[in-house]
Amino acid sequence: MLDLNNLMSSLLFRDAQEKDPEIGTLREQAQETVRKEVESMLQLGVIQPSRSPWRSPLVPERKPDGSLRLCVDYQRLNAMAVFDTFPMPHVAELVERIGDAGYIPTLDMAKGYWQILVAKRDRQKTAFGTPWGLYEFVRMPFGLHGAAATFQHLMDQILAPHTEYAVAYIDDIIIYTRT
């Protein structure tokens, strides 16, 4: 049986050292939206205040609907990460598997990565700076090396009993049937 309560993501690094990148400033019009999102993430237990020696820049990105998505630029951290070898699905194989299905609904697992805890020893490495302080992720953030593979592995485990009609592509679940 799959125990989701203890599922954690560990961050493996080679010769990792703390980094202190230049942190840009948030545009004034984005500050209120970012502040509200940070407060929401704190209340949900996704992040927590941090005293980490690590810090990556916060980069709010505009989504197609005009709202902001909080992203953290983990390029420097990811450059030190050990490659996660869990195999990711190939789109061509998924298309072949779905075949001539007549119905193909999809489910987007919004904020699905947040279902996975970051190992306590690794949380400080996920720290990001804001005008209001330093925070670190308790739940797996988007953009972190290995996050997609970790989530794909979880989804493959969950959907294993249902492979004749369901497949995951990272945070999208595809259900397929002829009727």
N, C-alpha and C. Protein backbone atom coordinates (compact mmCIF):
# COMPACT_ATOMS: atom_id res chain seq x y z
N MET A 1 0.84 -1.18 0.00
CA MET A 1 0.00 0.00 0.00
C MET A 1 0.88 1.25 0.00
N LEU A 2 0.51 2.23 -0.74
CA LEU A 2 1.27 3.46 -0.88
C LEU A 2 1.00 4.38 0.29
N ASP A 3 2.03 4.80 1.02
CA ASP A 3 1.88 5.68 2.18
C ASP A 3 2.25 7.10 1.77
N LEU A 4 1.25 7.92 1.47
CA LEU A 4 1.51 9.29 1.04
C LEU A 4 1.90 10.19 2.19
N ASN A 5 1.63 9.78 3.42
CA ASN A 5 1.95 10.63 4.57
C ASN A 5 3.44 10.78 4.79
N ASN A 6 4.23 9.83 4.35
CA ASN A 6 5.66 9.87 4.58
C ASN A 6 6.46 10.09 3.31
N LEU A 7 5.81 10.46 2.23
CA LEU A 7 6.51 10.68 0.97
C LEU A 7 7.30 11.98 1.07
N MET A 8 8.60 11.89 0.84
CA MET A 8 9.45 13.07 0.92
C MET A 8 10.37 13.13 -0.28
N SER A 9 10.77 14.33 -0.58
CA SER A 9 11.72 14.56 -1.64
C SER A 9 13.04 14.96 -1.01
N SER A 10 14.12 14.24 -1.32
CA SER A 10 15.44 14.59 -0.84
C SER A 10 16.20 15.25 -1.97
N LEU A 11 17.02 16.21 -1.61
CA LEU A 11 17.81 16.95 -2.58
C LEU A 11 19.25 16.48 -2.47
N LEU A 12 19.76 15.86 -3.50
CA LEU A 12 21.12 15.36 -3.49
C LEU A 12 22.01 16.31 -4.29
N PHE A 13 23.18 16.64 -3.71
CA PHE A 13 24.08 17.59 -4.35
C PHE A 13 25.50 17.06 -4.36
N ARG A 14 26.25 17.52 -5.33
CA ARG A 14 27.67 17.24 -5.36
C ARG A 14 28.39 18.55 -5.03
N ASP A 15 29.24 18.53 -4.04
CA ASP A 15 30.01 19.70 -3.62
C ASP A 15 29.15 20.94 -3.45
N ALA A 16 28.02 20.80 -2.79
CA ALA A 16 27.10 21.92 -2.62
C ALA A 16 27.63 22.90 -1.58
N GLN A 17 27.52 24.17 -1.91
CA GLN A 17 27.87 25.24 -0.99
C GLN A 17 26.75 26.27 -1.02
N GLU A 18 26.64 27.00 0.09
CA GLU A 18 25.62 28.03 0.12
C GLU A 18 25.92 29.07 -0.96
N LYS A 19 24.87 29.62 -1.51
CA LYS A 19 25.02 30.64 -2.54
C LYS A 19 24.24 31.87 -2.11
N ASP A 20 24.72 33.03 -2.47
CA ASP A 20 24.03 34.26 -2.15
C ASP A 20 23.92 35.09 -3.42
N PRO A 21 22.98 34.73 -4.30
CA PRO A 21 22.86 35.45 -5.57
C PRO A 21 22.31 36.86 -5.37
N GLU A 22 22.50 37.66 -6.36
CA GLU A 22 21.90 38.99 -6.33
C GLU A 22 20.38 38.84 -6.35
N ILE A 23 19.72 39.54 -5.48
CA ILE A 23 18.27 39.47 -5.39
C ILE A 23 17.70 40.76 -5.96
N GLY A 24 16.84 40.62 -6.96
CA GLY A 24 16.21 41.79 -7.56
C GLY A 24 15.08 42.31 -6.68
N THR A 25 14.56 43.44 -7.04
CA THR A 25 13.45 44.00 -6.29
C THR A 25 12.15 43.69 -7.02
N LEU A 26 11.09 43.55 -6.26
CA LEU A 26 9.77 43.33 -6.85
C LEU A 26 9.20 44.66 -7.30
N ARG A 27 8.60 44.65 -8.47
CA ARG A 27 7.92 45.86 -8.92
C ARG A 27 6.80 46.17 -7.94
N GLU A 28 6.58 47.43 -7.71
CA GLU A 28 5.61 47.86 -6.71
C GLU A 28 4.23 47.26 -6.94
N GLN A 29 3.79 47.19 -8.20
CA GLN A 29 2.45 46.66 -8.48
C GLN A 29 2.35 45.17 -8.18
N ALA A 30 3.47 44.46 -8.15
CA ALA A 30 3.45 43.02 -7.86
C ALA A 30 3.56 42.73 -6.37
N GLN A 31 4.03 43.69 -5.59
CA GLN A 31 4.31 43.42 -4.18
C GLN A 31 3.09 42.95 -3.40
N GLU A 32 1.96 43.57 -3.58
CA GLU A 32 0.77 43.19 -2.82
C GLU A 32 0.31 41.78 -3.18
N THR A 33 0.34 41.45 -4.46
CA THR A 33 -0.05 40.11 -4.90
C THR A 33 0.92 39.07 -4.34
N VAL A 34 2.20 39.36 -4.40
CA VAL A 34 3.22 38.44 -3.88
C VAL A 34 3.06 38.29 -2.37
N ARG A 35 2.84 39.38 -1.66
CA ARG A 35 2.67 39.32 -0.21
C ARG A 35 1.49 38.42 0.16
N LYS A 36 0.37 38.57 -0.56
CA LYS A 36 -0.81 37.74 -0.29
C LYS A 36 -0.53 36.27 -0.57
N GLU A 37 0.18 35.98 -1.64
CA GLU A 37 0.51 34.59 -1.98
C GLU A 37 1.45 33.99 -0.93
N VAL A 38 2.44 34.76 -0.48
CA VAL A 38 3.35 34.28 0.57
C VAL A 38 2.57 33.99 1.84
N GLU A 39 1.65 34.89 2.22
CA GLU A 39 0.82 34.67 3.41
C GLU A 39 -0.03 33.41 3.26
N SER A 40 -0.60 33.21 2.08
CA SER A 40 -1.41 32.02 1.83
C SER A 40 -0.57 30.75 1.95
N MET A 41 0.63 30.77 1.36
CA MET A 41 1.52 29.62 1.42
C MET A 41 1.94 29.32 2.86
N LEU A 42 2.14 30.37 3.65
CA LEU A 42 2.46 30.18 5.07
C LEU A 42 1.30 29.50 5.79
N GLN A 43 0.09 29.99 5.57
CA GLN A 43 -1.09 29.43 6.22
C GLN A 43 -1.34 27.98 5.82
N LEU A 44 -1.03 27.64 4.58
CA LEU A 44 -1.23 26.28 4.09
C LEU A 44 -0.10 25.33 4.51
N GLY A 45 0.96 25.87 5.10
CA GLY A 45 2.09 25.04 5.50
C GLY A 45 3.00 24.64 4.36
N VAL A 46 2.93 25.37 3.26
CA VAL A 46 3.77 25.08 2.10
C VAL A 46 5.18 25.64 2.31
N ILE A 47 5.27 26.78 2.98
CA ILE A 47 6.55 27.41 3.30
C ILE A 47 6.58 27.72 4.79
N GLN A 48 7.77 28.07 5.26
CA GLN A 48 7.93 28.51 6.65
C GLN A 48 9.04 29.55 6.68
N PRO A 49 9.05 30.42 7.71
CA PRO A 49 10.15 31.37 7.83
C PRO A 49 11.48 30.62 7.93
N SER A 50 12.53 31.25 7.45
CA SER A 50 13.82 30.58 7.37
C SER A 50 14.95 31.46 7.88
N ARG A 51 16.01 30.81 8.35
CA ARG A 51 17.27 31.48 8.71
C ARG A 51 18.40 30.81 7.92
N SER A 52 18.07 30.33 6.75
CA SER A 52 18.99 29.57 5.92
C SER A 52 20.14 30.42 5.39
N PRO A 53 21.33 29.82 5.23
CA PRO A 53 22.41 30.51 4.55
C PRO A 53 22.23 30.47 3.03
N TRP A 54 21.27 29.69 2.55
CA TRP A 54 20.96 29.60 1.13
C TRP A 54 19.90 30.63 0.80
N ARG A 55 19.91 31.12 -0.42
CA ARG A 55 18.86 32.03 -0.86
C ARG A 55 18.83 32.07 -2.38
N SER A 56 17.66 31.81 -2.93
CA SER A 56 17.46 31.92 -4.38
C SER A 56 16.48 33.05 -4.62
N PRO A 57 16.56 33.69 -5.79
CA PRO A 57 15.68 34.83 -6.06
C PRO A 57 14.24 34.42 -6.38
N LEU A 58 13.33 35.21 -5.88
CA LEU A 58 11.91 35.06 -6.18
C LEU A 58 11.63 35.77 -7.50
N VAL A 59 10.94 35.08 -8.40
CA VAL A 59 10.66 35.63 -9.73
C VAL A 59 9.18 35.45 -10.03
N PRO A 60 8.35 36.46 -9.74
CA PRO A 60 6.93 36.33 -10.08
C PRO A 60 6.75 36.32 -11.60
N GLU A 61 5.96 35.39 -12.09
CA GLU A 61 5.70 35.27 -13.52
C GLU A 61 4.21 35.48 -13.78
N ARG A 62 3.90 36.18 -14.85
CA ARG A 62 2.51 36.41 -15.23
C ARG A 62 1.98 35.18 -15.95
N LYS A 63 0.85 34.65 -15.48
CA LYS A 63 0.20 33.50 -16.11
C LYS A 63 -0.69 34.00 -17.26
N PRO A 64 -1.10 33.10 -18.17
CA PRO A 64 -1.93 33.51 -19.30
C PRO A 64 -3.22 34.23 -18.89
N ASP A 65 -3.75 33.89 -17.71
CA ASP A 65 -4.99 34.55 -17.26
C ASP A 65 -4.73 35.91 -16.61
N GLY A 66 -3.45 36.34 -16.56
CA GLY A 66 -3.11 37.64 -16.00
C GLY A 66 -2.69 37.60 -14.54
N SER A 67 -2.96 36.51 -13.85
CA SER A 67 -2.56 36.41 -12.45
C SER A 67 -1.06 36.12 -12.35
N LEU A 68 -0.52 36.28 -11.15
CA LEU A 68 0.90 36.03 -10.94
C LEU A 68 1.13 34.65 -10.34
N ARG A 69 2.20 34.01 -10.79
CA ARG A 69 2.65 32.75 -10.20
C ARG A 69 3.99 33.05 -9.54
N LEU A 70 4.13 32.63 -8.29
CA LEU A 70 5.41 32.81 -7.62
C LEU A 70 6.36 31.70 -8.03
N CYS A 71 7.44 32.07 -8.65
CA CYS A 71 8.46 31.11 -9.04
C CYS A 71 9.75 31.48 -8.31
N VAL A 72 10.55 30.51 -8.02
CA VAL A 72 11.86 30.74 -7.44
C VAL A 72 12.88 30.29 -8.48
N ASP A 73 13.87 31.14 -8.71
CA ASP A 73 14.90 30.82 -9.70
C ASP A 73 15.95 29.93 -9.04
N TYR A 74 15.82 28.64 -9.26
CA TYR A 74 16.73 27.66 -8.67
C TYR A 74 17.86 27.26 -9.61
N GLN A 75 18.20 28.11 -10.58
CA GLN A 75 19.24 27.74 -11.54
C GLN A 75 20.56 27.38 -10.87
N ARG A 76 21.00 28.19 -9.92
CA ARG A 76 22.28 27.93 -9.25
C ARG A 76 22.20 26.66 -8.42
N LEU A 77 21.11 26.48 -7.71
CA LEU A 77 20.92 25.28 -6.89
C LEU A 77 20.82 24.04 -7.79
N ASN A 78 20.06 24.15 -8.86
CA ASN A 78 19.88 23.02 -9.78
C ASN A 78 21.19 22.61 -10.45
N ALA A 79 22.08 23.57 -10.66
CA ALA A 79 23.37 23.26 -11.29
C ALA A 79 24.22 22.35 -10.41
N MET A 80 23.94 22.33 -9.11
CA MET A 80 24.69 21.49 -8.17
C MET A 80 23.98 20.17 -7.89
N ALA A 81 22.77 20.01 -8.39
CA ALA A 81 21.95 18.84 -8.05
C ALA A 81 22.40 17.60 -8.81
N VAL A 82 22.23 16.47 -8.16
CA VAL A 82 22.49 15.17 -8.80
C VAL A 82 21.28 14.84 -9.66
N PHE A 83 21.51 14.38 -10.88
CA PHE A 83 20.43 14.09 -11.81
C PHE A 83 19.55 12.96 -11.29
N ASP A 84 18.24 13.17 -11.31
CA ASP A 84 17.28 12.14 -10.91
C ASP A 84 17.02 11.26 -12.13
N THR A 85 17.29 9.98 -12.01
CA THR A 85 17.22 9.07 -13.16
C THR A 85 15.85 8.42 -13.35
N PHE A 86 14.83 8.81 -12.58
CA PHE A 86 13.52 8.21 -12.79
C PHE A 86 13.06 8.53 -14.20
N PRO A 87 12.64 7.52 -14.97
CA PRO A 87 12.27 7.75 -16.38
C PRO A 87 10.98 8.55 -16.52
N MET A 88 11.05 9.58 -17.32
CA MET A 88 9.88 10.39 -17.61
C MET A 88 9.19 9.81 -18.85
N PRO A 89 7.87 9.91 -18.92
CA PRO A 89 7.17 9.36 -20.08
C PRO A 89 7.46 10.15 -21.35
N HIS A 90 7.48 9.45 -22.47
CA HIS A 90 7.64 10.09 -23.77
C HIS A 90 6.25 10.35 -24.35
N VAL A 91 6.06 11.53 -24.88
CA VAL A 91 4.75 11.90 -25.42
C VAL A 91 4.31 10.92 -26.51
N ALA A 92 5.22 10.51 -27.38
CA ALA A 92 4.87 9.57 -28.46
C ALA A 92 4.34 8.26 -27.89
N GLU A 93 4.95 7.78 -26.81
CA GLU A 93 4.48 6.54 -26.18
C GLU A 93 3.09 6.73 -25.56
N LEU A 94 2.87 7.89 -24.98
CA LEU A 94 1.55 8.17 -24.39
C LEU A 94 0.48 8.22 -25.47
N VAL A 95 0.79 8.85 -26.58
CA VAL A 95 -0.17 8.94 -27.69
C VAL A 95 -0.48 7.54 -28.21
N GLU A 96 0.53 6.70 -28.35
CA GLU A 96 0.31 5.33 -28.82
C GLU A 96 -0.52 4.54 -27.81
N ARG A 97 -0.25 4.73 -26.56
CA ARG A 97 -0.99 4.02 -25.51
C ARG A 97 -2.46 4.41 -25.48
N ILE A 98 -2.73 5.67 -25.67
CA ILE A 98 -4.11 6.15 -25.67
C ILE A 98 -4.84 5.65 -26.91
N GLY A 99 -4.08 5.54 -28.00
CA GLY A 99 -4.60 4.95 -29.23
C GLY A 99 -5.84 5.61 -29.77
N ASP A 100 -6.87 4.82 -30.03
CA ASP A 100 -8.09 5.33 -30.65
C ASP A 100 -9.21 5.54 -29.63
N ALA A 101 -8.84 5.99 -28.45
CA ALA A 101 -9.85 6.25 -27.42
C ALA A 101 -10.83 7.31 -27.91
N GLY A 102 -12.10 7.10 -27.62
CA GLY A 102 -13.13 8.05 -28.02
C GLY A 102 -13.29 9.20 -27.04
N TYR A 103 -12.93 8.95 -25.80
CA TYR A 103 -13.04 9.98 -24.75
C TYR A 103 -11.70 10.08 -24.03
N ILE A 104 -11.22 11.32 -23.91
CA ILE A 104 -9.91 11.53 -23.28
C ILE A 104 -9.98 12.75 -22.35
N PRO A 105 -10.64 12.64 -21.22
CA PRO A 105 -10.62 13.76 -20.28
C PRO A 105 -9.26 13.83 -19.59
N THR A 106 -8.87 15.03 -19.22
CA THR A 106 -7.61 15.23 -18.50
C THR A 106 -7.89 15.98 -17.21
N LEU A 107 -7.09 15.69 -16.21
CA LEU A 107 -7.18 16.36 -14.92
C LEU A 107 -5.84 17.01 -14.63
N ASP A 108 -5.84 18.29 -14.34
CA ASP A 108 -4.62 19.01 -13.99
C ASP A 108 -4.52 19.02 -12.47
N MET A 109 -3.46 18.45 -11.95
CA MET A 109 -3.26 18.40 -10.50
C MET A 109 -2.68 19.73 -10.04
N ALA A 110 -3.53 20.75 -9.92
CA ALA A 110 -3.09 22.09 -9.53
C ALA A 110 -2.33 22.03 -8.20
N LYS A 111 -1.15 22.61 -8.20
CA LYS A 111 -0.30 22.63 -7.02
C LYS A 111 -0.01 21.22 -6.48
N GLY A 112 0.04 20.27 -7.39
CA GLY A 112 0.26 18.88 -7.01
C GLY A 112 1.58 18.64 -6.31
N TYR A 113 2.61 19.39 -6.69
CA TYR A 113 3.92 19.21 -6.06
C TYR A 113 3.84 19.44 -4.56
N TRP A 114 2.90 20.28 -4.14
CA TRP A 114 2.79 20.61 -2.72
C TRP A 114 2.30 19.42 -1.88
N GLN A 115 1.98 18.32 -2.51
CA GLN A 115 1.57 17.12 -1.77
C GLN A 115 2.79 16.34 -1.26
N ILE A 116 3.97 16.75 -1.67
CA ILE A 116 5.20 16.04 -1.31
C ILE A 116 6.03 16.90 -0.37
N LEU A 117 6.37 16.34 0.78
CA LEU A 117 7.21 17.05 1.75
C LEU A 117 8.65 17.09 1.27
N VAL A 118 9.33 18.20 1.57
CA VAL A 118 10.77 18.28 1.37
C VAL A 118 11.40 17.75 2.66
N ALA A 119 12.39 16.90 2.54
CA ALA A 119 13.07 16.36 3.72
C ALA A 119 13.56 17.52 4.59
N LYS A 120 13.41 17.41 5.91
CA LYS A 120 13.76 18.50 6.82
C LYS A 120 15.18 19.00 6.62
N ARG A 121 16.11 18.09 6.40
CA ARG A 121 17.51 18.49 6.24
C ARG A 121 17.75 19.32 4.98
N ASP A 122 16.82 19.24 4.02
CA ASP A 122 16.99 19.92 2.74
C ASP A 122 16.18 21.21 2.60
N ARG A 123 15.30 21.47 3.52
CA ARG A 123 14.42 22.64 3.38
C ARG A 123 15.18 23.95 3.27
N GLN A 124 16.25 24.08 4.03
CA GLN A 124 17.00 25.35 4.00
C GLN A 124 17.55 25.65 2.60
N LYS A 125 17.79 24.62 1.81
CA LYS A 125 18.33 24.83 0.46
C LYS A 125 17.30 25.45 -0.48
N THR A 126 16.02 25.36 -0.11
CA THR A 126 14.95 25.89 -0.97
C THR A 126 14.61 27.34 -0.63
N ALA A 127 15.37 27.96 0.25
CA ALA A 127 15.05 29.31 0.73
C ALA A 127 15.02 30.33 -0.40
N PHE A 128 14.11 31.29 -0.25
CA PHE A 128 14.00 32.40 -1.19
C PHE A 128 13.73 33.67 -0.41
N GLY A 129 14.18 34.78 -0.98
CA GLY A 129 14.04 36.06 -0.31
C GLY A 129 12.87 36.87 -0.82
N THR A 130 12.25 37.60 0.09
CA THR A 130 11.18 38.55 -0.24
C THR A 130 11.48 39.84 0.51
N PRO A 131 10.78 40.92 0.21
CA PRO A 131 10.96 42.15 0.99
C PRO A 131 10.56 41.98 2.46
N TRP A 132 9.86 40.88 2.79
CA TRP A 132 9.35 40.67 4.15
C TRP A 132 10.13 39.62 4.91
N GLY A 133 11.14 39.05 4.29
CA GLY A 133 11.94 38.05 4.98
C GLY A 133 12.33 36.89 4.09
N LEU A 134 12.94 35.92 4.73
CA LEU A 134 13.43 34.72 4.06
C LEU A 134 12.50 33.56 4.41
N TYR A 135 12.16 32.77 3.41
CA TYR A 135 11.26 31.63 3.60
C TYR A 135 11.87 30.41 2.93
N GLU A 136 11.47 29.23 3.41
CA GLU A 136 11.90 27.98 2.80
C GLU A 136 10.70 27.08 2.62
N PHE A 137 10.79 26.20 1.64
CA PHE A 137 9.67 25.30 1.34
C PHE A 137 9.65 24.10 2.28
N VAL A 138 8.46 23.80 2.77
CA VAL A 138 8.17 22.59 3.53
C VAL A 138 7.66 21.53 2.55
N ARG A 139 6.96 22.00 1.53
CA ARG A 139 6.41 21.16 0.46
C ARG A 139 7.23 21.41 -0.80
N MET A 140 7.29 20.43 -1.67
CA MET A 140 8.14 20.50 -2.85
C MET A 140 7.75 21.65 -3.78
N PRO A 141 8.70 22.52 -4.09
CA PRO A 141 8.42 23.64 -4.98
C PRO A 141 8.55 23.27 -6.45
N PHE A 142 7.86 24.02 -7.26
CA PHE A 142 7.98 23.94 -8.71
C PHE A 142 9.34 24.52 -9.09
N GLY A 143 9.99 23.94 -10.07
CA GLY A 143 11.25 24.49 -10.58
C GLY A 143 12.50 23.90 -9.98
N LEU A 144 12.33 23.08 -8.97
CA LEU A 144 13.47 22.45 -8.33
C LEU A 144 13.87 21.21 -9.12
N HIS A 145 15.16 21.04 -9.34
CA HIS A 145 15.65 19.87 -10.08
C HIS A 145 15.14 18.60 -9.41
N GLY A 146 14.58 17.73 -10.20
CA GLY A 146 14.07 16.47 -9.69
C GLY A 146 12.62 16.51 -9.26
N ALA A 147 12.03 17.71 -9.19
CA ALA A 147 10.63 17.81 -8.75
C ALA A 147 9.70 17.07 -9.71
N ALA A 148 9.90 17.27 -10.99
CA ALA A 148 9.03 16.61 -11.97
C ALA A 148 9.17 15.09 -11.90
N ALA A 149 10.40 14.60 -11.79
CA ALA A 149 10.62 13.15 -11.71
C ALA A 149 10.04 12.58 -10.42
N THR A 150 10.19 13.30 -9.32
CA THR A 150 9.62 12.84 -8.05
C THR A 150 8.11 12.76 -8.15
N PHE A 151 7.49 13.79 -8.73
CA PHE A 151 6.04 13.79 -8.85
C PHE A 151 5.57 12.72 -9.83
N GLN A 152 6.30 12.54 -10.93
CA GLN A 152 5.95 11.50 -11.90
C GLN A 152 6.01 10.13 -11.24
N HIS A 153 7.03 9.90 -10.43
CA HIS A 153 7.16 8.62 -9.72
C HIS A 153 5.95 8.39 -8.81
N LEU A 154 5.55 9.42 -8.08
CA LEU A 154 4.36 9.33 -7.21
C LEU A 154 3.12 9.00 -8.03
N MET A 155 2.91 9.72 -9.12
CA MET A 155 1.71 9.50 -9.93
C MET A 155 1.71 8.11 -10.56
N ASP A 156 2.88 7.64 -10.99
CA ASP A 156 2.97 6.29 -11.54
C ASP A 156 2.59 5.24 -10.49
N GLN A 157 3.00 5.45 -9.26
CA GLN A 157 2.65 4.52 -8.17
C GLN A 157 1.15 4.55 -7.91
N ILE A 158 0.58 5.73 -7.85
CA ILE A 158 -0.86 5.86 -7.57
C ILE A 158 -1.69 5.23 -8.68
N LEU A 159 -1.30 5.46 -9.93
CA LEU A 159 -2.09 4.98 -11.06
C LEU A 159 -1.74 3.56 -11.50
N ALA A 160 -0.78 2.92 -10.86
CA ALA A 160 -0.35 1.57 -11.26
C ALA A 160 -1.51 0.58 -11.39
N PRO A 161 -2.50 0.58 -10.49
CA PRO A 161 -3.62 -0.37 -10.66
C PRO A 161 -4.59 0.01 -11.77
N HIS A 162 -4.39 1.17 -12.40
CA HIS A 162 -5.36 1.67 -13.38
C HIS A 162 -4.74 1.93 -14.75
N THR A 163 -3.65 1.25 -15.05
CA THR A 163 -2.92 1.55 -16.29
C THR A 163 -3.67 1.23 -17.57
N GLU A 164 -4.74 0.44 -17.49
CA GLU A 164 -5.48 0.13 -18.71
C GLU A 164 -6.36 1.29 -19.16
N TYR A 165 -6.52 2.31 -18.32
CA TYR A 165 -7.35 3.45 -18.72
C TYR A 165 -6.87 4.80 -18.19
N ALA A 166 -5.75 4.84 -17.49
CA ALA A 166 -5.27 6.12 -16.95
C ALA A 166 -3.75 6.18 -16.99
N VAL A 167 -3.25 7.36 -17.25
CA VAL A 167 -1.81 7.58 -17.30
C VAL A 167 -1.54 9.01 -16.82
N ALA A 168 -0.37 9.21 -16.24
CA ALA A 168 0.01 10.55 -15.78
C ALA A 168 1.16 11.07 -16.63
N TYR A 169 1.10 12.33 -16.91
CA TYR A 169 2.23 13.03 -17.50
C TYR A 169 2.52 14.19 -16.55
N ILE A 170 3.43 13.95 -15.66
CA ILE A 170 3.79 14.85 -14.56
C ILE A 170 2.53 15.18 -13.76
N ASP A 171 2.02 16.41 -13.84
CA ASP A 171 0.86 16.76 -13.01
C ASP A 171 -0.46 16.74 -13.77
N ASP A 172 -0.48 16.08 -14.91
CA ASP A 172 -1.73 15.90 -15.65
C ASP A 172 -2.08 14.42 -15.67
N ILE A 173 -3.31 14.10 -15.33
CA ILE A 173 -3.80 12.72 -15.41
C ILE A 173 -4.67 12.63 -16.65
N ILE A 174 -4.38 11.65 -17.48
CA ILE A 174 -5.15 11.43 -18.71
C ILE A 174 -5.93 10.13 -18.53
N ILE A 175 -7.23 10.23 -18.67
CA ILE A 175 -8.11 9.07 -18.59
C ILE A 175 -8.59 8.81 -20.01
N TYR A 176 -8.55 7.56 -20.44
CA TYR A 176 -8.93 7.29 -21.83
C TYR A 176 -9.79 6.04 -21.91
N THR A 177 -10.79 6.12 -22.78
CA THR A 177 -11.69 4.99 -22.99
C THR A 177 -12.33 5.10 -24.36
N ARG A 178 -12.72 3.99 -24.91
CA ARG A 178 -13.39 4.02 -26.23
C ARG A 178 -14.85 4.44 -26.09
N THR A 179 -15.47 4.13 -24.97
CA THR A 179 -16.90 4.45 -24.78
C THR A 179 -17.10 5.35 -23.58
